[in-house]
PDB file of N, CA and C in Angstrom:
ATOM      1  N   MET A   1       1.275  -1.262  -0.077  1.00  0.00           N
ATOM      2  CA  MET A   1      -0.078  -0.178   0.009  1.00  0.00           C
ATOM      3  C   MET A   1       0.706   1.294   0.171  1.00  0.00           C
ATOM      4  N   PRO A   2       0.739   2.251  -1.213  1.00  0.00           N
ATOM      5  CA  PRO A   2       1.538   3.319  -0.900  1.00  0.00           C
ATOM      6  C   PRO A   2       1.130   4.254   0.170  1.00  0.00           C
ATOM      7  N   THR A   3       2.384   5.344   0.310  1.00  0.00           N
ATOM      8  CA  THR A   3       1.750   6.062   1.480  1.00  0.00           C
ATOM      9  C   THR A   3       1.082   6.659   1.092  1.00  0.00           C
ATOM     10  N   ASN A   4       0.190   8.023   2.318  1.00  0.00           N
ATOM     11  CA  ASN A   4      -0.237   8.959   2.291  1.00  0.00           C
ATOM     12  C   ASN A   4       0.614  10.029   0.715  1.00  0.00           C
ATOM     13  N   ASP A   5       1.913  10.454   1.532  1.00  0.00           N
ATOM     14  CA  ASP A   5       2.274  10.965   0.588  1.00  0.00           C
ATOM     15  C   ASP A   5       2.545  10.461  -0.655  1.00  0.00           C
ATOM     16  N   PHE A   6       2.914   9.683  -0.784  1.00  0.00           N
ATOM     17  CA  PHE A   6       2.959   9.311  -2.574  1.00  0.00           C
ATOM     18  C   PHE A   6       1.796   9.330  -2.760  1.00  0.00           C
ATOM     19  N   ARG A   7       0.173   8.957  -2.468  1.00  0.00           N
ATOM     20  CA  ARG A   7      -0.779   8.813  -3.138  1.00  0.00           C
ATOM     21  C   ARG A   7      -1.193  10.589  -3.005  1.00  0.00           C
ATOM     22  N   GLU A   8      -0.428  11.959  -2.025  1.00  0.00           N
ATOM     23  CA  GLU A   8      -0.865  13.143  -2.189  1.00  0.00           C
ATOM     24  C   GLU A   8      -0.258  13.495  -3.475  1.00  0.00           C
ATOM     25  N   LYS A   9       0.757  13.862  -3.859  1.00  0.00           N
ATOM     26  CA  LYS A   9       1.568  13.644  -4.797  1.00  0.00           C
ATOM     27  C   LYS A   9       0.869  12.819  -6.270  1.00  0.00           C
ATOM     28  N   LEU A  10       0.597  11.744  -6.394  1.00  0.00           N
ATOM     29  CA  LEU A  10      -0.180  11.032  -7.457  1.00  0.00           C
ATOM     30  C   LEU A  10      -1.006  12.085  -8.126  1.00  0.00           C
ATOM     31  N   LYS A  11      -2.626  12.340  -6.554  1.00  0.00           N
ATOM     32  CA  LYS A  11      -3.466  13.152  -6.707  1.00  0.00           C
ATOM     33  C   LYS A  11      -3.483  14.509  -6.949  1.00  0.00           C
ATOM     34  N   GLU A  12      -2.021  15.000  -6.319  1.00  0.00           N
ATOM     35  CA  GLU A  12      -1.934  16.383  -7.552  1.00  0.00           C
ATOM     36  C   GLU A  12      -1.556  16.247  -8.584  1.00  0.00           C
ATOM     37  N   LYS A  13      -1.177  14.926  -9.087  1.00  0.00           N
ATOM     38  CA  LYS A  13      -0.536  15.053 -10.977  1.00  0.00           C
ATOM     39  C   LYS A  13      -1.994  15.046 -11.103  1.00  0.00           C
ATOM     40  N   MET A  14      -2.749  14.244 -10.672  1.00  0.00           N
ATOM     41  CA  MET A  14      -4.204  13.977 -11.520  1.00  0.00           C
ATOM     42  C   MET A  14      -5.291  15.717 -11.832  1.00  0.00           C
ATOM     43  N   ASP A  15      -4.752  16.205 -10.483  1.00  0.00           N
ATOM     44  CA  ASP A  15      -5.463  17.058 -10.689  1.00  0.00           C
ATOM     45  C   ASP A  15      -5.118  18.050 -11.528  1.00  0.00           C
ATOM     46  N   LYS A  16      -3.834  18.581 -11.226  1.00  0.00           N
ATOM     47  CA  LYS A  16      -3.232  19.362 -12.620  1.00  0.00           C
ATOM     48  C   LYS A  16      -3.307  18.903 -14.368  1.00  0.00           C
ATOM     49  N   TYR A  17      -3.579  17.642 -14.215  1.00  0.00           N
ATOM     50  CA  TYR A  17      -3.919  16.469 -15.706  1.00  0.00           C
ATOM     51  C   TYR A  17      -5.728  17.326 -16.621  1.00  0.00           C
ATOM     52  N   VAL A  18      -6.253  17.226 -14.855  1.00  0.00           N
ATOM     53  CA  VAL A  18      -7.890  17.524 -15.497  1.00  0.00           C
ATOM     54  C   VAL A  18      -8.208  18.971 -15.637  1.00  0.00           C
ATOM     55  N   HIS A  19      -7.356  20.294 -14.954  1.00  0.00           N
ATOM     56  CA  HIS A  19      -6.976  21.515 -15.469  1.00  0.00           C
ATOM     57  C   HIS A  19      -6.606  21.875 -16.796  1.00  0.00           C
ATOM     58  N   PHE A  20      -5.643  20.931 -17.032  1.00  0.00           N
ATOM     59  CA  PHE A  20      -5.053  20.920 -18.259  1.00  0.00           C
ATOM     60  C   PHE A  20      -5.858  20.669 -19.275  1.00  0.00           C
ATOM     61  N   ILE A  21      -6.920  19.695 -19.317  1.00  0.00           N
ATOM     62  CA  ILE A  21      -7.654  19.016 -20.377  1.00  0.00           C
ATOM     63  C   ILE A  21      -8.828  20.349 -20.695  1.00  0.00           C
ATOM     64  N   TYR A  22      -8.874  20.622 -19.295  1.00  0.00           N
ATOM     65  CA  TYR A  22      -9.982  22.005 -19.649  1.00  0.00           C
ATOM     66  C   TYR A  22      -9.762  23.208 -19.963  1.00  0.00           C
ATOM     67  N   GLN A  23      -8.761  23.045 -19.660  1.00  0.00           N
ATOM     68  CA  GLN A  23      -8.202  24.381 -20.266  1.00  0.00           C
ATOM     69  C   GLN A  23      -7.852  24.552 -21.600  1.00  0.00           C
ATOM     70  N   LEU A  24      -7.114  23.473 -22.103  1.00  0.00           N
ATOM     71  CA  LEU A  24      -7.032  22.854 -23.304  1.00  0.00           C
ATOM     72  C   LEU A  24      -8.125  22.534 -24.481  1.00  0.00           C
ATOM     73  N   THR A  25      -9.405  22.294 -23.683  1.00  0.00           N
ATOM     74  CA  THR A  25     -10.564  21.804 -24.607  1.00  0.00           C
ATOM     75  C   THR A  25     -11.839  23.544 -24.573  1.00  0.00           C
ATOM     76  N   ARG A  26     -10.582  24.410 -23.914  1.00  0.00           N
ATOM     77  CA  ARG A  26     -11.621  25.708 -24.291  1.00  0.00           C
ATOM     78  C   ARG A  26     -12.160  26.033 -25.714  1.00  0.00           C
ATOM     79  N   ASN A  27     -10.550  25.700 -26.079  1.00  0.00           N
ATOM     80  CA  ASN A  27     -10.453  26.176 -27.527  1.00  0.00           C
ATOM     81  C   ASN A  27     -10.397  25.049 -28.887  1.00  0.00           C
ATOM     82  N   PHE A  28     -11.647  24.231 -28.305  1.00  0.00           N
ATOM     83  CA  PHE A  28     -11.954  23.164 -29.432  1.00  0.00           C
ATOM     84  C   PHE A  28     -12.822  24.107 -30.099  1.00  0.00           C
ATOM     85  N   PRO A  29     -12.937  23.399 -31.382  1.00  0.00           N
ATOM     86  CA  PRO A  29     -14.482  23.379 -31.936  1.00  0.00           C
ATOM     87  C   PRO A  29     -15.826  23.961 -31.717  1.00  0.00           C
ATOM     88  N   GLU A  30     -16.669  24.570 -31.587  1.00  0.00           N
ATOM     89  CA  GLU A  30     -17.676  24.257 -30.858  1.00  0.00           C
ATOM     90  C   GLU A  30     -18.749  23.260 -31.000  1.00  0.00           C
ATOM     91  N   GLU A  31     -18.711  23.157 -32.527  1.00  0.00           N
ATOM     92  CA  GLU A  31     -19.436  21.653 -32.922  1.00  0.00           C
ATOM     93  C   GLU A  31     -18.557  19.983 -31.962  1.00  0.00           C
ATOM     94  N   GLU A  32     -17.717  20.399 -31.145  1.00  0.00           N
ATOM     95  CA  GLU A  32     -17.507  19.252 -30.322  1.00  0.00           C
ATOM     96  C   GLU A  32     -17.475  19.490 -29.183  1.00  0.00           C
ATOM     97  N   LYS A  33     -18.339  20.509 -28.497  1.00  0.00           N
ATOM     98  CA  LYS A  33     -18.796  20.300 -27.324  1.00  0.00           C
ATOM     99  C   LYS A  33     -19.757  19.028 -27.111  1.00  0.00           C
ATOM    100  N   TYR A  34     -20.408  18.535 -27.522  1.00  0.00           N
ATOM    101  CA  TYR A  34     -21.057  17.485 -27.013  1.00  0.00           C
ATOM    102  C   TYR A  34     -20.324  16.284 -27.667  1.00  0.00           C
ATOM    103  N   GLY A  35     -19.227  16.304 -28.110  1.00  0.00           N
ATOM    104  CA  GLY A  35     -18.040  14.884 -28.736  1.00  0.00           C
ATOM    105  C   GLY A  35     -17.441  15.251 -28.376  1.00  0.00           C
ATOM    106  N   VAL A  36     -16.006  15.414 -28.246  1.00  0.00           N
ATOM    107  CA  VAL A  36     -14.432  14.918 -28.029  1.00  0.00           C
ATOM    108  C   VAL A  36     -14.478  16.121 -26.638  1.00  0.00           C
ATOM    109  N   ILE A  37     -14.919  17.188 -26.473  1.00  0.00           N
ATOM    110  CA  ILE A  37     -14.543  17.771 -25.235  1.00  0.00           C
ATOM    111  C   ILE A  37     -15.762  17.296 -24.327  1.00  0.00           C
ATOM    112  N   SER A  38     -16.635  16.463 -24.385  1.00  0.00           N
ATOM    113  CA  SER A  38     -17.361  16.321 -23.407  1.00  0.00           C
ATOM    114  C   SER A  38     -16.378  14.863 -22.748  1.00  0.00           C
ATOM    115  N   GLN A  39     -16.049  14.352 -23.966  1.00  0.00           N
ATOM    116  CA  GLN A  39     -15.854  12.707 -23.594  1.00  0.00           C
ATOM    117  C   GLN A  39     -14.563  12.825 -22.714  1.00  0.00           C
ATOM    118  N   ILE A  40     -13.480  13.531 -23.547  1.00  0.00           N
ATOM    119  CA  ILE A  40     -12.405  14.097 -23.071  1.00  0.00           C
ATOM    120  C   ILE A  40     -12.298  14.447 -21.263  1.00  0.00           C
ATOM    121  N   ARG A  41     -13.102  15.361 -21.614  1.00  0.00           N
ATOM    122  CA  ARG A  41     -13.555  15.868 -19.941  1.00  0.00           C
ATOM    123  C   ARG A  41     -13.895  15.258 -18.843  1.00  0.00           C
ATOM    124  N   ARG A  42     -15.063  14.514 -19.048  1.00  0.00           N
ATOM    125  CA  ARG A  42     -15.480  13.335 -18.158  1.00  0.00           C
ATOM    126  C   ARG A  42     -14.324  12.599 -18.076  1.00  0.00           C
ATOM    127  N   ALA A  43     -13.645  11.762 -19.055  1.00  0.00           N
ATOM    128  CA  ALA A  43     -12.339  10.998 -18.854  1.00  0.00           C
ATOM    129  C   ALA A  43     -11.485  11.205 -18.003  1.00  0.00           C
ATOM    130  N   SER A  44     -11.111  12.616 -18.118  1.00  0.00           N
ATOM    131  CA  SER A  44     -10.092  12.994 -17.271  1.00  0.00           C
ATOM    132  C   SER A  44     -10.286  13.080 -16.204  1.00  0.00           C
ATOM    133  N   LEU A  45     -11.861  13.562 -15.369  1.00  0.00           N
ATOM    134  CA  LEU A  45     -12.626  13.704 -13.899  1.00  0.00           C
ATOM    135  C   LEU A  45     -12.417  12.887 -13.716  1.00  0.00           C
ATOM    136  N   SER A  46     -12.589  11.253 -14.255  1.00  0.00           N
ATOM    137  CA  SER A  46     -13.236  10.331 -14.161  1.00  0.00           C
ATOM    138  C   SER A  46     -12.048   9.833 -13.362  1.00  0.00           C
ATOM    139  N   ILE A  47     -11.133   9.577 -14.239  1.00  0.00           N
ATOM    140  CA  ILE A  47      -9.248   9.279 -13.010  1.00  0.00           C
ATOM    141  C   ILE A  47      -8.880   9.842 -11.981  1.00  0.00           C
ATOM    142  N   ILE A  48      -9.274  11.354 -11.615  1.00  0.00           N
ATOM    143  CA  ILE A  48      -9.157  11.194 -10.335  1.00  0.00           C
ATOM    144  C   ILE A  48     -10.100  11.408  -9.855  1.00  0.00           C
ATOM    145  N   LEU A  49     -11.361  11.275 -10.140  1.00  0.00           N
ATOM    146  CA  LEU A  49     -12.782  10.845  -9.217  1.00  0.00           C
ATOM    147  C   LEU A  49     -12.542   8.808  -8.435  1.00  0.00           C
ATOM    148  N   ASN A  50     -12.511   8.494  -9.991  1.00  0.00           N
ATOM    149  CA  ASN A  50     -12.110   7.448  -9.034  1.00  0.00           C
ATOM    150  C   ASN A  50     -10.717   6.584  -8.257  1.00  0.00           C
ATOM    151  N   PHE A  51     -10.267   7.332  -8.599  1.00  0.00           N
ATOM    152  CA  PHE A  51      -9.195   7.354  -7.575  1.00  0.00           C
ATOM    153  C   PHE A  51      -9.250   7.771  -5.854  1.00  0.00           C
ATOM    154  N   ILE A  52     -10.041   8.464  -5.813  1.00  0.00           N
ATOM    155  CA  ILE A  52     -10.655   9.199  -4.383  1.00  0.00           C
ATOM    156  C   ILE A  52     -11.191   8.190  -4.293  1.00  0.00           C
ATOM    157  N   GLU A  53     -12.466   7.862  -4.661  1.00  0.00           N
ATOM    158  CA  GLU A  53     -13.478   6.672  -4.216  1.00  0.00           C
ATOM    159  C   GLU A  53     -12.475   5.250  -4.531  1.00  0.00           C
ATOM    160  N   GLY A  54     -11.904   5.217  -4.756  1.00  0.00           N
ATOM    161  CA  GLY A  54     -11.221   3.735  -4.276  1.00  0.00           C
ATOM    162  C   GLY A  54     -10.726   3.535  -3.168  1.00  0.00           C
ATOM    163  N   TYR A  55      -9.613   5.112  -2.956  1.00  0.00           N
ATOM    164  CA  TYR A  55      -9.739   4.933  -1.386  1.00  0.00           C
ATOM    165  C   TYR A  55     -10.473   5.013  -0.141  1.00  0.00           C
ATOM    166  N   ALA A  56     -11.272   5.238  -0.573  1.00  0.00           N
ATOM    167  CA  ALA A  56     -12.782   5.472   0.441  1.00  0.00           C
ATOM    168  C   ALA A  56     -13.443   4.467   0.629  1.00  0.00           C
ATOM    169  N   ARG A  57     -12.598   3.413  -0.007  1.00  0.00           N
ATOM    170  CA  ARG A  57     -13.339   1.971  -0.127  1.00  0.00           C
ATOM    171  C   ARG A  57     -12.774   1.121   0.978  1.00  0.00           C
ATOM    172  N   MET A  58     -13.289   0.069   1.787  1.00  0.00           N
ATOM    173  CA  MET A  58     -11.973  -0.817   2.945  1.00  0.00           C
ATOM    174  C   MET A  58     -11.697  -2.197   2.003  1.00  0.00           C
ATOM    175  N   GLN A  59     -12.681  -2.004   1.086  1.00  0.00           N
ATOM    176  CA  GLN A  59     -12.734  -3.700   1.080  1.00  0.00           C
ATOM    177  C   GLN A  59     -11.368  -3.636  -0.591  1.00  0.00           C
ATOM    178  N   LYS A  60     -10.334  -4.326  -0.525  1.00  0.00           N
ATOM    179  CA  LYS A  60      -9.198  -4.723  -1.816  1.00  0.00           C
ATOM    180  C   LYS A  60      -9.464  -4.753  -2.924  1.00  0.00           C
ATOM    181  N   ASN A  61     -10.615  -5.772  -3.408  1.00  0.00           N
ATOM    182  CA  ASN A  61     -10.989  -5.613  -4.274  1.00  0.00           C
ATOM    183  C   ASN A  61     -11.820  -4.589  -4.946  1.00  0.00           C
ATOM    184  N   THR A  62     -12.659  -3.965  -4.452  1.00  0.00           N
ATOM    185  CA  THR A  62     -13.512  -2.582  -4.925  1.00  0.00           C
ATOM    186  C   THR A  62     -12.851  -1.379  -5.011  1.00  0.00           C
ATOM    187  N   GLN A  63     -11.501  -1.452  -4.184  1.00  0.00           N
ATOM    188  CA  GLN A  63     -10.343  -0.465  -4.296  1.00  0.00           C
ATOM    189  C   GLN A  63      -9.678  -0.670  -5.826  1.00  0.00           C
ATOM    190  N   ARG A  64      -9.302  -1.475  -5.715  1.00  0.00           N
ATOM    191  CA  ARG A  64      -8.851  -2.557  -6.596  1.00  0.00           C
ATOM    192  C   ARG A  64      -9.580  -1.776  -8.145  1.00  0.00           C
ATOM    193  N   ASN A  65     -10.671  -2.284  -7.836  1.00  0.00           N
ATOM    194  CA  ASN A  65     -11.712  -2.271  -9.352  1.00  0.00           C
ATOM    195  C   ASN A  65     -12.145  -0.274  -9.225  1.00  0.00           C
ATOM    196  N   PHE A  66     -12.083   0.099  -8.626  1.00  0.00           N
ATOM    197  CA  PHE A  66     -12.001   1.576  -8.724  1.00  0.00           C
ATOM    198  C   PHE A  66     -10.967   2.263  -9.533  1.00  0.00           C
ATOM    199  N   LEU A  67      -9.948   1.660  -9.195  1.00  0.00           N
ATOM    200  CA  LEU A  67      -7.984   2.122  -9.436  1.00  0.00           C
ATOM    201  C   LEU A  67      -8.078   1.615 -11.303  1.00  0.00           C
ATOM    202  N   GLU A  68      -8.952   0.524 -11.360  1.00  0.00           N
ATOM    203  CA  GLU A  68      -8.502   0.015 -12.366  1.00  0.00           C
ATOM    204  C   GLU A  68      -9.217   0.755 -13.597  1.00  0.00           C
ATOM    205  N   ILE A  69     -11.157   1.204 -12.644  1.00  0.00           N
ATOM    206  CA  ILE A  69     -11.179   2.038 -14.358  1.00  0.00           C
ATOM    207  C   ILE A  69     -10.570   3.305 -14.359  1.00  0.00           C
ATOM    208  N   SER A  70     -10.127   3.801 -13.436  1.00  0.00           N
ATOM    209  CA  SER A  70      -9.199   5.425 -13.537  1.00  0.00           C
ATOM    210  C   SER A  70      -8.241   4.736 -14.204  1.00  0.00           C
ATOM    211  N   TYR A  71      -7.096   4.172 -14.236  1.00  0.00           N
ATOM    212  CA  TYR A  71      -6.475   3.136 -15.208  1.00  0.00           C
ATOM    213  C   TYR A  71      -6.593   3.536 -17.071  1.00  0.00           C
ATOM    214  N   GLY A  72      -7.922   2.949 -16.611  1.00  0.00           N
ATOM    215  CA  GLY A  72      -8.632   2.765 -18.025  1.00  0.00           C
ATOM    216  C   GLY A  72      -8.781   4.157 -18.353  1.00  0.00           C
ATOM    217  N   SER A  73      -9.179   4.968 -17.644  1.00  0.00           N
ATOM    218  CA  SER A  73      -9.959   6.914 -17.911  1.00  0.00           C
ATOM    219  C   SER A  73      -8.728   7.058 -18.817  1.00  0.00           C
ATOM    220  N   LEU A  74      -7.476   6.696 -17.430  1.00  0.00           N
ATOM    221  CA  LEU A  74      -6.447   7.540 -18.047  1.00  0.00           C
ATOM    222  C   LEU A  74      -6.301   7.276 -19.945  1.00  0.00           C
ATOM    223  N   LYS A  75      -6.255   5.876 -19.972  1.00  0.00           N
ATOM    224  CA  LYS A  75      -5.846   5.425 -20.945  1.00  0.00           C
ATOM    225  C   LYS A  75      -6.545   6.380 -22.263  1.00  0.00           C
ATOM    226  N   GLU A  76      -7.729   6.195 -22.011  1.00  0.00           N
ATOM    227  CA  GLU A  76      -9.323   6.599 -23.038  1.00  0.00           C
ATOM    228  C   GLU A  76      -9.256   8.177 -23.238  1.00  0.00           C
ATOM    229  N   SER A  77      -8.293   8.871 -22.090  1.00  0.00           N
ATOM    230  CA  SER A  77      -8.186  10.545 -22.868  1.00  0.00           C
ATOM    231  C   SER A  77      -6.407  10.657 -22.862  1.00  0.00           C
ATOM    232  N   LYS A  78      -5.764   9.556 -22.746  1.00  0.00           N
ATOM    233  CA  LYS A  78      -4.700   9.433 -23.683  1.00  0.00           C
ATOM    234  C   LYS A  78      -4.613   9.440 -25.828  1.00  0.00           C
ATOM    235  N   TYR A  79      -6.106   8.329 -25.769  1.00  0.00           N
ATOM    236  CA  TYR A  79      -6.390   8.351 -26.938  1.00  0.00           C
ATOM    237  C   TYR A  79      -7.001   9.304 -27.606  1.00  0.00           C
ATOM    238  N   LEU A  80      -7.878  10.051 -26.815  1.00  0.00           N
ATOM    239  CA  LEU A  80      -8.412  10.857 -27.122  1.00  0.00           C
ATOM    240  C   LEU A  80      -7.447  12.320 -27.497  1.00  0.00           C
ATOM    241  N   LEU A  81      -6.317  12.585 -26.537  1.00  0.00           N
ATOM    242  CA  LEU A  81      -4.986  13.420 -26.674  1.00  0.00           C
ATOM    243  C   LEU A  81      -5.055  13.376 -28.780  1.00  0.00           C
ATOM    244  N   TYR A  82      -4.597  11.998 -28.337  1.00  0.00           N
ATOM    245  CA  TYR A  82      -3.764  11.682 -29.869  1.00  0.00           C
ATOM    246  C   TYR A  82      -4.887  11.768 -31.059  1.00  0.00           C
ATOM    247  N   PHE A  83      -6.383  12.122 -30.467  1.00  0.00           N
ATOM    248  CA  PHE A  83      -7.616  11.487 -31.981  1.00  0.00           C
ATOM    249  C   PHE A  83      -7.383  13.789 -32.005  1.00  0.00           C
ATOM    250  N   SER A  84      -7.213  14.610 -31.028  1.00  0.00           N
ATOM    251  CA  SER A  84      -7.415  16.017 -30.936  1.00  0.00           C
ATOM    252  C   SER A  84      -6.241  16.442 -31.719  1.00  0.00           C
ATOM    253  N   LEU A  85      -4.767  15.543 -31.363  1.00  0.00           N
ATOM    254  CA  LEU A  85      -4.083  16.118 -32.481  1.00  0.00           C
ATOM    255  C   LEU A  85      -4.023  15.765 -33.768  1.00  0.00           C
ATOM    256  N   VAL A  86      -4.626  14.608 -34.197  1.00  0.00           N
ATOM    257  CA  VAL A  86      -4.836  14.244 -35.713  1.00  0.00           C
ATOM    258  C   VAL A  86      -6.197  15.483 -36.307  1.00  0.00           C
ATOM    259  N   GLU A  87      -6.703  15.644 -35.495  1.00  0.00           N
ATOM    260  CA  GLU A  87      -8.026  16.749 -36.004  1.00  0.00           C
ATOM    261  C   GLU A  87      -7.544  17.996 -36.016  1.00  0.00           C
ATOM    262  N   LYS A  88      -5.889  18.501 -35.494  1.00  0.00           N
ATOM    263  CA  LYS A  88      -5.763  19.514 -35.397  1.00  0.00           C
ATOM    264  C   LYS A  88      -6.238  20.168 -34.545  1.00  0.00           C
ATOM    265  N   TYR A  89      -6.775  19.664 -33.255  1.00  0.00           N
ATOM    266  CA  TYR A  89      -7.429  20.530 -32.158  1.00  0.00           C
ATOM    267  C   TYR A  89      -6.502  21.304 -31.052  1.00  0.00           C
ATOM    268  N   ILE A  90      -5.814  20.603 -31.571  1.00  0.00           N
ATOM    269  CA  ILE A  90      -4.333  21.066 -30.365  1.00  0.00           C
ATOM    270  C   ILE A  90      -2.826  20.368 -31.350  1.00  0.00           C
ATOM    271  N   SER A  91      -1.847  21.344 -30.333  1.00  0.00           N
ATOM    272  CA  SER A  91      -0.382  21.366 -31.374  1.00  0.00           C
ATOM    273  C   SER A  91       0.370  20.184 -30.984  1.00  0.00           C
ATOM    274  N   LYS A  92       1.332  19.940 -31.297  1.00  0.00           N
ATOM    275  CA  LYS A  92       2.017  18.951 -31.136  1.00  0.00           C
ATOM    276  C   LYS A  92       3.056  19.532 -29.742  1.00  0.00           C
ATOM    277  N   GLN A  93       3.515  20.503 -29.767  1.00  0.00           N
ATOM    278  CA  GLN A  93       3.406  21.023 -27.921  1.00  0.00           C
ATOM    279  C   GLN A  93       2.602  20.538 -26.903  1.00  0.00           C
ATOM    280  N   GLU A  94       1.081  21.051 -27.062  1.00  0.00           N
ATOM    281  CA  GLU A  94       0.642  20.533 -26.258  1.00  0.00           C
ATOM    282  C   GLU A  94       0.001  19.208 -26.423  1.00  0.00           C
ATOM    283  N   TYR A  95      -0.079  18.588 -26.966  1.00  0.00           N
ATOM    284  CA  TYR A  95      -0.021  17.070 -27.297  1.00  0.00           C
ATOM    285  C   TYR A  95       1.146  16.412 -26.428  1.00  0.00           C
ATOM    286  N   ASN A  96       1.970  17.222 -26.729  1.00  0.00           N
ATOM    287  CA  ASN A  96       3.589  16.474 -25.592  1.00  0.00           C
ATOM    288  C   ASN A  96       3.188  16.623 -23.972  1.00  0.00           C
ATOM    289  N   LYS A  97       2.842  17.512 -24.002  1.00  0.00           N
ATOM    290  CA  LYS A  97       2.745  17.488 -22.693  1.00  0.00           C
ATOM    291  C   LYS A  97       1.741  16.870 -22.043  1.00  0.00           C
ATOM    292  N   GLY A  98       0.824  16.560 -22.584  1.00  0.00           N
ATOM    293  CA  GLY A  98      -0.475  15.762 -22.260  1.00  0.00           C
ATOM    294  C   GLY A  98      -0.066  14.487 -21.826  1.00  0.00           C
ATOM    295  N   LEU A  99       0.683  14.064 -22.948  1.00  0.00           N
ATOM    296  CA  LEU A  99       1.083  12.492 -23.218  1.00  0.00           C
ATOM    297  C   LEU A  99       1.842  12.474 -21.605  1.00  0.00           C
ATOM    298  N   LYS A 100       2.850  13.121 -21.530  1.00  0.00           N
ATOM    299  CA  LYS A 100       4.110  13.183 -20.622  1.00  0.00           C
ATOM    300  C   LYS A 100       3.320  13.317 -19.291  1.00  0.00           C
ATOM    301  N   MET A 101       1.727  13.965 -19.127  1.00  0.00           N
ATOM    302  CA  MET A 101       1.565  13.636 -17.885  1.00  0.00           C
ATOM    303  C   MET A 101       0.616  12.411 -17.653  1.00  0.00           C
ATOM    304  N   VAL A 102       0.039  12.146 -18.803  1.00  0.00           N
ATOM    305  CA  VAL A 102      -0.444  10.757 -18.471  1.00  0.00           C
ATOM    306  C   VAL A 102       0.477   9.526 -18.238  1.00  0.00           C
ATOM    307  N   ASP A 103       0.971   9.524 -18.964  1.00  0.00           N
ATOM    308  CA  ASP A 103       2.583   8.088 -18.827  1.00  0.00           C
ATOM    309  C   ASP A 103       3.466   8.585 -17.211  1.00  0.00           C
ATOM    310  N   GLU A 104       3.141   9.708 -16.723  1.00  0.00           N
ATOM    311  CA  GLU A 104       3.439  10.264 -15.246  1.00  0.00           C
ATOM    312  C   GLU A 104       2.745   9.367 -14.378  1.00  0.00           C
ATOM    313  N   ILE A 105       1.296  10.060 -14.457  1.00  0.00           N
ATOM    314  CA  ILE A 105       0.040   9.415 -14.074  1.00  0.00           C
ATOM    315  C   ILE A 105      -0.040   7.860 -13.796  1.00  0.00           C
ATOM    316  N   GLY A 106      -0.153   7.274 -15.534  1.00  0.00           N
ATOM    317  CA  GLY A 106       0.139   5.699 -15.511  1.00  0.00           C
ATOM    318  C   GLY A 106       1.551   5.730 -14.445  1.00  0.00           C
ATOM    319  N   ALA A 107       2.675   5.603 -14.799  1.00  0.00           N
ATOM    320  CA  ALA A 107       3.628   5.037 -13.934  1.00  0.00           C
ATOM    321  C   ALA A 107       3.538   4.928 -12.557  1.00  0.00           C
ATOM    322  N   MET A 108       2.814   6.063 -11.862  1.00  0.00           N
ATOM    323  CA  MET A 108       2.274   6.055 -10.702  1.00  0.00           C
ATOM    324  C   MET A 108       1.285   5.111  -9.899  1.00  0.00           C
ATOM    325  N   LEU A 109       0.125   5.009 -11.333  1.00  0.00           N
ATOM    326  CA  LEU A 109      -1.305   4.543 -11.230  1.00  0.00           C
ATOM    327  C   LEU A 109      -0.376   2.698 -11.017  1.00  0.00           C
ATOM    328  N   TRP A 110      -0.227   2.022 -12.123  1.00  0.00           N
ATOM    329  CA  TRP A 110      -0.126   0.906 -12.473  1.00  0.00           C
ATOM    330  C   TRP A 110       0.137  -0.101 -11.494  1.00  0.00           C
ATOM    331  N   PRO A 111       1.510   0.825 -10.667  1.00  0.00           N
ATOM    332  CA  PRO A 111       2.107   0.106  -9.755  1.00  0.00           C
ATOM    333  C   PRO A 111       1.076  -0.251  -7.823  1.00  0.00           C
ATOM    334  N   ILE A 112       0.008   0.533  -7.612  1.00  0.00           N
ATOM    335  CA  ILE A 112      -0.635   0.389  -7.138  1.00  0.00           C
ATOM    336  C   ILE A 112      -1.470  -0.747  -7.911  1.00  0.00           C
ATOM    337  N   ILE A 113      -1.706  -0.271  -8.265  1.00  0.00           N
ATOM    338  CA  ILE A 113      -3.329  -1.307  -8.963  1.00  0.00           C
ATOM    339  C   ILE A 113      -2.430  -2.856  -8.912  1.00  0.00           C
ATOM    340  N   LYS A 114      -1.552  -3.309  -9.498  1.00  0.00           N
ATOM    341  CA  LYS A 114      -0.854  -4.390  -9.383  1.00  0.00           C
ATOM    342  C   LYS A 114      -0.239  -4.884  -8.160  1.00  0.00           C
ATOM    343  N   GLY A 115      -0.108  -4.116  -7.075  1.00  0.00           N
ATOM    344  CA  GLY A 115      -0.135  -4.490  -5.630  1.00  0.00           C
ATOM    345  C   GLY A 115      -0.591  -4.885  -4.738  1.00  0.00           C
ATOM    346  N   LEU A 116      -1.826  -3.961  -5.575  1.00  0.00           N
ATOM    347  CA  LEU A 116      -3.727  -4.331  -4.683  1.00  0.00           C
ATOM    348  C   LEU A 116      -3.876  -6.142  -5.288  1.00  0.00           C
ATOM    349  N   LYS A 117      -3.470  -6.640  -6.602  1.00  0.00           N
ATOM    350  CA  LYS A 117      -4.102  -7.432  -7.049  1.00  0.00           C
ATOM    351  C   LYS A 117      -2.459  -8.718  -6.686  1.00  0.00           C
ATOM    352  N   ASN A 118      -1.880  -8.155  -5.894  1.00  0.00           N
ATOM    353  CA  ASN A 118      -0.746  -9.174  -5.359  1.00  0.00           C
ATOM    354  C   ASN A 118      -1.148  -9.366  -3.931  1.00  0.00           C
ATOM    355  N   GLU A 119      -1.936  -9.025  -3.689  1.00  0.00           N
ATOM    356  CA  GLU A 119      -1.860  -8.711  -2.086  1.00  0.00           C
ATOM    357  C   GLU A 119      -3.539 -10.109  -1.611  1.00  0.00           C
ATOM    358  N   LYS A 120      -3.671 -10.419  -0.839  1.00  0.00           N
ATOM    359  CA  LYS A 120      -4.268 -11.949  -0.159  1.00  0.00           C
ATOM    360  C   LYS A 120      -5.412 -11.307   0.814  1.00  0.00           C
TER     361      LYS A 120
END
């Protein structure tokens, strides 16, 4: 089980990512309001919200389930960043910044999930 300090650092990274996504999508085309904008915002919020809810649960299997949902949402948002790059909604620089954030979060989140899988 990671320390509280580690979890707080991870939560801080997730929070920064959500705010990055919200700022980024303010410049997307209006016609994407109910498409990519909505989807990437919901996916990025799901990362941190499921992480928080997972740690509010007492049962390890339930915690793992919420953290796996968080990780899945991270991967979903990663693809949506790529999609946004291809559609020219974001610049290569913005994409790289988001990708770096996603990779850092994933590198911290995955070992927690793996550790919960190994606990009996």
